[in-house]
């Protein structure tokens, strides 16, 4: 660990993480073969990366447009003054906000929305705009993944 308590990663850790990003379900034996190390080494590295919080878990990756009929959108949000933390806390309470990011430029936050229909989409837009501290927003529908 460094003085800032962030773990140091070597080339093997970075290669392991890269492979797991592509195939999070790869067996330890396959990972060991690809990396040219023993299964014990791979397992120890994975355990350390999980314990440090670098690896959060393993999941299936699904095409963005998998949910047929689902409406997806990106919403840019401008926040008043120093109310960003409060707005983020309230936005996290909206389950239809799939992801939330801080950003630079004209907008303070970028949210990815996923809703089943236009009525829900309209409701979420109203709910976000009603949050105390949200000054302005702009939303763009995601039409198709290419």
N, C-alpha and C. Protein backbone atom coordinates (compact mmCIF):
# COMPACT_ATOMS: atom_id res chain seq x y z
N UNK A 1 0.83 -1.19 0.00
CA UNK A 1 0.00 0.00 0.00
C UNK A 1 0.88 1.25 0.00
N UNK A 2 0.42 2.28 -0.69
CA UNK A 2 1.13 3.54 -0.69
C UNK A 2 0.69 4.37 0.49
N UNK A 3 1.30 5.51 0.68
CA UNK A 3 0.94 6.38 1.79
C UNK A 3 -0.50 6.85 1.69
N UNK A 4 -1.04 6.95 0.46
CA UNK A 4 -2.44 7.37 0.29
C UNK A 4 -3.40 6.19 0.46
N UNK A 5 -2.91 5.04 0.89
CA UNK A 5 -3.62 3.78 1.08
C UNK A 5 -4.29 3.23 -0.17
N UNK A 6 -3.81 3.60 -1.31
CA UNK A 6 -4.26 2.97 -2.55
C UNK A 6 -3.30 1.83 -2.85
N UNK A 7 -3.83 0.66 -3.19
CA UNK A 7 -2.95 -0.46 -3.48
C UNK A 7 -2.11 -0.21 -4.72
N UNK A 8 -0.93 -0.78 -4.73
CA UNK A 8 -0.08 -0.72 -5.91
C UNK A 8 -0.34 -1.96 -6.75
N UNK A 9 -0.48 -1.79 -8.04
CA UNK A 9 -0.74 -2.90 -8.92
C UNK A 9 0.45 -3.07 -9.85
N UNK A 10 0.85 -4.31 -10.03
CA UNK A 10 1.92 -4.56 -10.97
C UNK A 10 1.32 -4.98 -12.32
N UNK A 11 2.19 -5.31 -13.25
CA UNK A 11 1.74 -5.65 -14.61
C UNK A 11 0.84 -6.88 -14.60
N UNK A 12 1.12 -7.85 -13.72
CA UNK A 12 0.30 -9.06 -13.66
C UNK A 12 -1.12 -8.72 -13.18
N UNK A 13 -1.23 -7.86 -12.16
CA UNK A 13 -2.55 -7.43 -11.69
C UNK A 13 -3.33 -6.75 -12.81
N UNK A 14 -2.67 -5.87 -13.52
CA UNK A 14 -3.34 -5.13 -14.59
C UNK A 14 -3.78 -6.07 -15.72
N UNK A 15 -2.95 -7.04 -16.06
CA UNK A 15 -3.34 -8.02 -17.09
C UNK A 15 -4.51 -8.87 -16.62
N UNK A 16 -4.48 -9.28 -15.35
CA UNK A 16 -5.57 -10.08 -14.80
C UNK A 16 -6.88 -9.29 -14.83
N UNK A 17 -6.84 -8.06 -14.41
CA UNK A 17 -8.04 -7.21 -14.42
C UNK A 17 -8.55 -7.04 -15.85
N UNK A 18 -7.65 -6.85 -16.78
CA UNK A 18 -8.04 -6.69 -18.18
C UNK A 18 -8.76 -7.93 -18.71
N UNK A 19 -8.23 -9.10 -18.39
CA UNK A 19 -8.85 -10.34 -18.84
C UNK A 19 -10.22 -10.51 -18.19
N UNK A 20 -10.31 -10.21 -16.90
CA UNK A 20 -11.58 -10.35 -16.20
C UNK A 20 -12.63 -9.37 -16.72
N UNK A 21 -12.21 -8.21 -17.20
CA UNK A 21 -13.16 -7.28 -17.80
C UNK A 21 -13.79 -7.89 -19.05
N UNK A 22 -13.02 -8.66 -19.78
CA UNK A 22 -13.51 -9.30 -21.00
C UNK A 22 -14.32 -10.55 -20.69
N UNK A 23 -13.90 -11.30 -19.67
CA UNK A 23 -14.58 -12.55 -19.33
C UNK A 23 -14.52 -12.76 -17.82
N UNK A 24 -15.47 -12.19 -17.12
CA UNK A 24 -15.51 -12.29 -15.67
C UNK A 24 -15.80 -13.69 -15.16
N UNK A 25 -16.20 -14.58 -16.04
CA UNK A 25 -16.51 -15.95 -15.65
C UNK A 25 -15.39 -16.93 -16.00
N UNK A 26 -14.27 -16.41 -16.46
CA UNK A 26 -13.17 -17.30 -16.85
C UNK A 26 -12.69 -18.11 -15.64
N UNK A 27 -12.51 -19.43 -15.82
CA UNK A 27 -12.01 -20.24 -14.71
C UNK A 27 -10.58 -19.85 -14.35
N UNK A 28 -10.23 -20.07 -13.10
CA UNK A 28 -8.89 -19.75 -12.62
C UNK A 28 -7.84 -20.48 -13.45
N UNK A 29 -8.11 -21.71 -13.84
CA UNK A 29 -7.13 -22.47 -14.64
C UNK A 29 -6.88 -21.80 -15.99
N UNK A 30 -7.93 -21.29 -16.61
CA UNK A 30 -7.77 -20.59 -17.89
C UNK A 30 -6.99 -19.29 -17.70
N UNK A 31 -7.30 -18.55 -16.64
CA UNK A 31 -6.58 -17.31 -16.34
C UNK A 31 -5.10 -17.60 -16.12
N UNK A 32 -4.80 -18.66 -15.37
CA UNK A 32 -3.41 -19.03 -15.10
C UNK A 32 -2.67 -19.35 -16.40
N UNK A 33 -3.35 -20.08 -17.28
CA UNK A 33 -2.73 -20.44 -18.56
C UNK A 33 -2.45 -19.19 -19.39
N UNK A 34 -3.41 -18.30 -19.49
CA UNK A 34 -3.23 -17.07 -20.27
C UNK A 34 -2.10 -16.21 -19.71
N UNK A 35 -2.06 -16.12 -18.38
CA UNK A 35 -1.07 -15.26 -17.72
C UNK A 35 0.30 -15.92 -17.56
N UNK A 36 0.36 -17.23 -17.73
CA UNK A 36 1.63 -17.95 -17.59
C UNK A 36 2.09 -18.06 -16.15
N UNK A 37 1.13 -18.19 -15.23
CA UNK A 37 1.45 -18.35 -13.81
C UNK A 37 0.62 -19.52 -13.26
N UNK A 38 0.84 -19.85 -12.00
CA UNK A 38 0.09 -20.95 -11.40
C UNK A 38 -1.32 -20.52 -11.02
N UNK A 39 -2.20 -21.52 -10.85
CA UNK A 39 -3.56 -21.24 -10.40
C UNK A 39 -3.54 -20.60 -9.02
N UNK A 40 -2.61 -21.04 -8.17
CA UNK A 40 -2.50 -20.47 -6.82
C UNK A 40 -2.18 -18.99 -6.88
N UNK A 41 -1.30 -18.60 -7.79
CA UNK A 41 -0.95 -17.17 -7.95
C UNK A 41 -2.16 -16.37 -8.40
N UNK A 42 -2.90 -16.89 -9.38
CA UNK A 42 -4.09 -16.19 -9.86
C UNK A 42 -5.10 -16.05 -8.74
N UNK A 43 -5.35 -17.15 -8.01
CA UNK A 43 -6.34 -17.09 -6.93
C UNK A 43 -5.92 -16.10 -5.85
N UNK A 44 -4.65 -16.08 -5.50
CA UNK A 44 -4.16 -15.14 -4.48
C UNK A 44 -4.32 -13.70 -4.96
N UNK A 45 -4.02 -13.45 -6.23
CA UNK A 45 -4.18 -12.10 -6.78
C UNK A 45 -5.65 -11.70 -6.77
N UNK A 46 -6.53 -12.60 -7.19
CA UNK A 46 -7.96 -12.28 -7.21
C UNK A 46 -8.48 -12.02 -5.80
N UNK A 47 -8.05 -12.84 -4.84
CA UNK A 47 -8.48 -12.64 -3.45
C UNK A 47 -8.04 -11.26 -2.96
N UNK A 48 -6.79 -10.88 -3.26
CA UNK A 48 -6.27 -9.58 -2.82
C UNK A 48 -7.02 -8.44 -3.50
N UNK A 49 -7.31 -8.57 -4.79
CA UNK A 49 -8.03 -7.52 -5.51
C UNK A 49 -9.47 -7.40 -5.02
N UNK A 50 -10.08 -8.50 -4.65
CA UNK A 50 -11.43 -8.46 -4.08
C UNK A 50 -11.41 -7.82 -2.68
N UNK A 51 -10.44 -8.23 -1.86
CA UNK A 51 -10.36 -7.71 -0.50
C UNK A 51 -10.07 -6.21 -0.49
N UNK A 52 -9.27 -5.74 -1.42
CA UNK A 52 -8.93 -4.31 -1.47
C UNK A 52 -10.06 -3.46 -2.05
N UNK A 53 -11.05 -4.12 -2.66
CA UNK A 53 -12.15 -3.39 -3.26
C UNK A 53 -11.90 -3.00 -4.71
N UNK A 54 -10.75 -3.41 -5.24
CA UNK A 54 -10.47 -3.13 -6.65
C UNK A 54 -11.42 -3.91 -7.54
N UNK A 55 -11.58 -5.20 -7.26
CA UNK A 55 -12.60 -6.00 -7.93
C UNK A 55 -13.83 -5.98 -7.04
N UNK A 56 -14.95 -5.60 -7.61
CA UNK A 56 -16.18 -5.52 -6.82
C UNK A 56 -17.03 -6.77 -6.94
N UNK A 57 -16.71 -7.60 -7.92
CA UNK A 57 -17.46 -8.82 -8.13
C UNK A 57 -17.39 -9.22 -9.58
N UNK A 58 -18.19 -10.19 -9.93
CA UNK A 58 -18.19 -10.73 -11.29
C UNK A 58 -19.62 -10.74 -11.78
N UNK A 59 -19.81 -10.33 -13.02
CA UNK A 59 -21.16 -10.20 -13.53
C UNK A 59 -21.21 -10.50 -15.02
N UNK A 60 -22.40 -10.75 -15.49
CA UNK A 60 -22.61 -10.94 -16.93
C UNK A 60 -22.73 -9.57 -17.59
N UNK A 61 -22.11 -9.43 -18.73
CA UNK A 61 -22.25 -8.20 -19.51
C UNK A 61 -23.32 -8.43 -20.55
N UNK A 62 -24.26 -7.48 -20.63
CA UNK A 62 -25.39 -7.61 -21.55
C UNK A 62 -25.37 -6.43 -22.51
N UNK A 63 -25.74 -6.70 -23.76
CA UNK A 63 -25.82 -5.61 -24.73
C UNK A 63 -26.69 -4.49 -24.18
N UNK A 64 -26.31 -3.26 -24.45
CA UNK A 64 -27.05 -2.10 -23.95
C UNK A 64 -28.50 -2.09 -24.41
N UNK A 65 -28.77 -2.60 -25.61
CA UNK A 65 -30.14 -2.58 -26.12
C UNK A 65 -30.85 -3.92 -25.93
N UNK A 66 -30.39 -4.71 -24.95
CA UNK A 66 -30.96 -6.04 -24.71
C UNK A 66 -32.44 -5.97 -24.33
N UNK A 67 -32.79 -5.07 -23.44
CA UNK A 67 -34.17 -4.96 -22.98
C UNK A 67 -35.01 -4.32 -24.07
N UNK A 68 -35.68 -5.13 -24.86
CA UNK A 68 -36.50 -4.63 -25.95
C UNK A 68 -37.62 -3.75 -25.39
N UNK A 69 -37.78 -2.59 -25.96
CA UNK A 69 -38.84 -1.69 -25.54
C UNK A 69 -38.44 -0.76 -24.41
N UNK A 70 -37.32 -1.02 -23.77
CA UNK A 70 -36.86 -0.16 -22.69
C UNK A 70 -36.41 1.18 -23.27
N UNK A 71 -36.78 2.25 -22.60
CA UNK A 71 -36.37 3.59 -23.02
C UNK A 71 -35.15 3.98 -22.22
N UNK A 72 -34.10 4.36 -22.94
CA UNK A 72 -32.85 4.79 -22.30
C UNK A 72 -32.57 6.22 -22.69
N UNK A 73 -31.99 6.95 -21.76
CA UNK A 73 -31.69 8.36 -22.02
C UNK A 73 -30.50 8.80 -21.18
N UNK A 74 -29.90 9.87 -21.62
CA UNK A 74 -28.83 10.53 -20.87
C UNK A 74 -29.35 11.90 -20.46
N UNK A 75 -29.24 12.19 -19.18
CA UNK A 75 -29.71 13.47 -18.66
C UNK A 75 -28.52 14.22 -18.08
N UNK A 76 -28.31 15.45 -18.58
CA UNK A 76 -27.30 16.33 -18.03
C UNK A 76 -27.99 17.25 -17.03
N UNK A 77 -27.38 17.44 -15.87
CA UNK A 77 -28.03 18.18 -14.79
C UNK A 77 -27.10 19.29 -14.30
N UNK A 78 -27.67 20.50 -14.18
CA UNK A 78 -26.96 21.63 -13.60
C UNK A 78 -27.46 21.82 -12.18
N UNK A 79 -26.52 21.98 -11.25
CA UNK A 79 -26.85 22.08 -9.84
C UNK A 79 -26.56 23.49 -9.35
N UNK A 80 -27.41 23.98 -8.45
CA UNK A 80 -27.25 25.31 -7.86
C UNK A 80 -26.14 25.29 -6.82
N UNK A 81 -25.21 26.24 -6.93
CA UNK A 81 -24.19 26.46 -5.90
C UNK A 81 -23.54 25.21 -5.37
N UNK A 82 -23.58 25.08 -4.05
CA UNK A 82 -22.88 23.98 -3.37
C UNK A 82 -23.82 22.86 -2.95
N UNK A 83 -24.92 22.68 -3.68
CA UNK A 83 -25.90 21.66 -3.29
C UNK A 83 -25.68 20.32 -3.99
N UNK A 84 -24.53 20.12 -4.59
CA UNK A 84 -24.28 18.89 -5.35
C UNK A 84 -24.44 17.63 -4.50
N UNK A 85 -23.89 17.61 -3.30
CA UNK A 85 -23.97 16.42 -2.45
C UNK A 85 -25.42 16.09 -2.13
N UNK A 86 -26.22 17.09 -1.83
CA UNK A 86 -27.63 16.88 -1.51
C UNK A 86 -28.38 16.35 -2.74
N UNK A 87 -28.12 16.94 -3.89
CA UNK A 87 -28.78 16.50 -5.13
C UNK A 87 -28.39 15.06 -5.46
N UNK A 88 -27.12 14.73 -5.33
CA UNK A 88 -26.66 13.36 -5.60
C UNK A 88 -27.37 12.38 -4.67
N UNK A 89 -27.48 12.70 -3.40
CA UNK A 89 -28.15 11.83 -2.43
C UNK A 89 -29.60 11.57 -2.84
N UNK A 90 -30.29 12.62 -3.27
CA UNK A 90 -31.69 12.48 -3.68
C UNK A 90 -31.81 11.72 -5.01
N UNK A 91 -30.91 11.98 -5.94
CA UNK A 91 -30.95 11.28 -7.22
C UNK A 91 -30.70 9.78 -7.04
N UNK A 92 -29.82 9.42 -6.11
CA UNK A 92 -29.54 8.00 -5.86
C UNK A 92 -30.78 7.25 -5.38
N UNK A 93 -31.77 7.97 -4.89
CA UNK A 93 -33.01 7.35 -4.45
C UNK A 93 -33.98 7.04 -5.58
N UNK A 94 -33.63 7.40 -6.81
CA UNK A 94 -34.50 7.15 -7.96
C UNK A 94 -33.99 5.90 -8.67
N UNK A 95 -34.71 4.77 -8.54
CA UNK A 95 -34.20 3.51 -9.08
C UNK A 95 -34.03 3.50 -10.59
N UNK A 96 -34.76 4.34 -11.31
CA UNK A 96 -34.66 4.37 -12.77
C UNK A 96 -33.37 5.05 -13.25
N UNK A 97 -32.64 5.69 -12.35
CA UNK A 97 -31.33 6.25 -12.71
C UNK A 97 -30.31 5.12 -12.60
N UNK A 98 -29.93 4.62 -13.75
CA UNK A 98 -29.06 3.45 -13.83
C UNK A 98 -27.63 3.78 -13.41
N UNK A 99 -27.17 4.98 -13.78
CA UNK A 99 -25.81 5.41 -13.45
C UNK A 99 -25.81 6.92 -13.25
N UNK A 100 -24.93 7.39 -12.40
CA UNK A 100 -24.82 8.82 -12.11
C UNK A 100 -23.34 9.18 -12.03
N UNK A 101 -22.96 10.25 -12.74
CA UNK A 101 -21.56 10.65 -12.80
C UNK A 101 -21.43 12.15 -12.58
N UNK A 102 -20.36 12.55 -11.90
CA UNK A 102 -20.01 13.97 -11.89
C UNK A 102 -19.24 14.23 -13.17
N UNK A 103 -19.23 15.47 -13.61
CA UNK A 103 -18.55 15.80 -14.86
C UNK A 103 -18.05 17.23 -14.82
N UNK A 104 -17.35 17.62 -15.85
CA UNK A 104 -16.90 19.01 -15.96
C UNK A 104 -17.65 19.66 -17.12
N UNK A 105 -17.42 20.93 -17.33
CA UNK A 105 -18.09 21.63 -18.42
C UNK A 105 -19.34 22.32 -17.94
N UNK A 106 -20.32 22.46 -18.83
CA UNK A 106 -21.54 23.20 -18.50
C UNK A 106 -22.45 22.47 -17.52
N UNK A 107 -22.35 21.17 -17.44
CA UNK A 107 -23.23 20.37 -16.59
C UNK A 107 -22.45 19.84 -15.40
N UNK A 108 -23.13 19.66 -14.28
CA UNK A 108 -22.48 19.16 -13.07
C UNK A 108 -22.58 17.65 -12.94
N UNK A 109 -23.69 17.09 -13.41
CA UNK A 109 -23.94 15.65 -13.29
C UNK A 109 -24.47 15.10 -14.61
N UNK A 110 -24.18 13.84 -14.86
CA UNK A 110 -24.74 13.13 -16.01
C UNK A 110 -25.37 11.85 -15.46
N UNK A 111 -26.64 11.64 -15.79
CA UNK A 111 -27.37 10.47 -15.33
C UNK A 111 -27.83 9.65 -16.52
N UNK A 112 -27.76 8.33 -16.38
CA UNK A 112 -28.31 7.44 -17.39
C UNK A 112 -29.63 6.91 -16.85
N UNK A 113 -30.69 7.10 -17.61
CA UNK A 113 -32.03 6.67 -17.21
C UNK A 113 -32.44 5.44 -18.00
N UNK A 114 -33.16 4.54 -17.35
CA UNK A 114 -33.74 3.38 -18.02
C UNK A 114 -35.15 3.21 -17.47
N UNK A 115 -36.12 3.32 -18.38
CA UNK A 115 -37.53 3.22 -17.98
C UNK A 115 -38.28 2.35 -18.97
N UNK A 116 -39.41 1.77 -18.54
CA UNK A 116 -40.14 0.86 -19.43
C UNK A 116 -41.01 1.55 -20.47
N UNK A 117 -41.40 2.81 -20.23
CA UNK A 117 -42.31 3.46 -21.18
C UNK A 117 -42.20 4.99 -21.07
N UNK A 118 -42.87 5.68 -21.99
CA UNK A 118 -42.79 7.14 -22.02
C UNK A 118 -43.45 7.81 -20.82
N UNK A 119 -44.48 7.19 -20.27
CA UNK A 119 -45.11 7.77 -19.08
C UNK A 119 -44.14 7.80 -17.91
N UNK A 120 -43.41 6.72 -17.73
CA UNK A 120 -42.40 6.67 -16.67
C UNK A 120 -41.26 7.65 -16.96
N UNK A 121 -40.89 7.75 -18.21
CA UNK A 121 -39.84 8.69 -18.63
C UNK A 121 -40.26 10.12 -18.24
N UNK A 122 -41.48 10.49 -18.56
CA UNK A 122 -42.01 11.81 -18.24
C UNK A 122 -42.02 12.04 -16.73
N UNK A 123 -42.44 11.01 -15.98
CA UNK A 123 -42.47 11.13 -14.52
C UNK A 123 -41.08 11.35 -13.93
N UNK A 124 -40.09 10.60 -14.43
CA UNK A 124 -38.72 10.74 -13.93
C UNK A 124 -38.18 12.14 -14.23
N UNK A 125 -38.45 12.64 -15.44
CA UNK A 125 -37.99 14.00 -15.78
C UNK A 125 -38.57 15.01 -14.80
N UNK A 126 -39.85 14.90 -14.51
CA UNK A 126 -40.49 15.81 -13.54
C UNK A 126 -39.88 15.65 -12.15
N UNK A 127 -39.70 14.40 -11.72
CA UNK A 127 -39.15 14.14 -10.39
C UNK A 127 -37.76 14.76 -10.24
N UNK A 128 -36.91 14.59 -11.25
CA UNK A 128 -35.55 15.14 -11.18
C UNK A 128 -35.61 16.66 -11.14
N UNK A 129 -36.42 17.24 -11.99
CA UNK A 129 -36.49 18.71 -12.05
C UNK A 129 -37.08 19.33 -10.79
N UNK A 130 -37.82 18.54 -10.01
CA UNK A 130 -38.42 19.03 -8.76
C UNK A 130 -37.45 18.96 -7.58
N UNK A 131 -36.33 18.31 -7.75
CA UNK A 131 -35.36 18.20 -6.65
C UNK A 131 -34.79 19.57 -6.34
N UNK A 132 -34.84 19.94 -5.07
CA UNK A 132 -34.28 21.21 -4.62
C UNK A 132 -32.78 21.21 -4.90
N UNK A 133 -32.32 22.20 -5.64
CA UNK A 133 -30.91 22.28 -6.00
C UNK A 133 -30.64 22.00 -7.47
N UNK A 134 -31.62 21.40 -8.17
CA UNK A 134 -31.48 21.18 -9.62
C UNK A 134 -31.92 22.46 -10.31
N UNK A 135 -30.98 23.11 -11.00
CA UNK A 135 -31.26 24.37 -11.68
C UNK A 135 -31.78 24.14 -13.10
N UNK A 136 -31.16 23.19 -13.80
CA UNK A 136 -31.48 23.00 -15.20
C UNK A 136 -31.13 21.56 -15.58
N UNK A 137 -31.76 21.05 -16.62
CA UNK A 137 -31.40 19.72 -17.13
C UNK A 137 -31.69 19.67 -18.62
N UNK A 138 -30.99 18.75 -19.26
CA UNK A 138 -31.21 18.48 -20.68
C UNK A 138 -31.12 16.98 -20.85
N UNK A 139 -32.10 16.40 -21.54
CA UNK A 139 -32.16 14.96 -21.67
C UNK A 139 -32.20 14.55 -23.14
N UNK A 140 -31.41 13.54 -23.47
CA UNK A 140 -31.38 13.01 -24.82
C UNK A 140 -31.70 11.53 -24.78
N UNK A 141 -32.67 11.11 -25.62
CA UNK A 141 -33.00 9.69 -25.74
C UNK A 141 -31.90 8.97 -26.50
N UNK A 142 -31.59 7.76 -26.08
CA UNK A 142 -30.63 6.91 -26.79
C UNK A 142 -31.47 6.03 -27.72
N UNK A 143 -31.28 6.19 -29.02
CA UNK A 143 -32.15 5.52 -29.98
C UNK A 143 -31.72 4.10 -30.32
N UNK A 144 -30.46 3.90 -30.64
CA UNK A 144 -29.99 2.54 -30.94
C UNK A 144 -28.50 2.44 -30.65
N UNK A 145 -28.09 1.25 -30.30
CA UNK A 145 -26.66 0.99 -30.05
C UNK A 145 -26.03 0.57 -31.37
N UNK A 146 -24.90 1.13 -31.68
CA UNK A 146 -24.21 0.82 -32.93
C UNK A 146 -22.84 0.27 -32.69
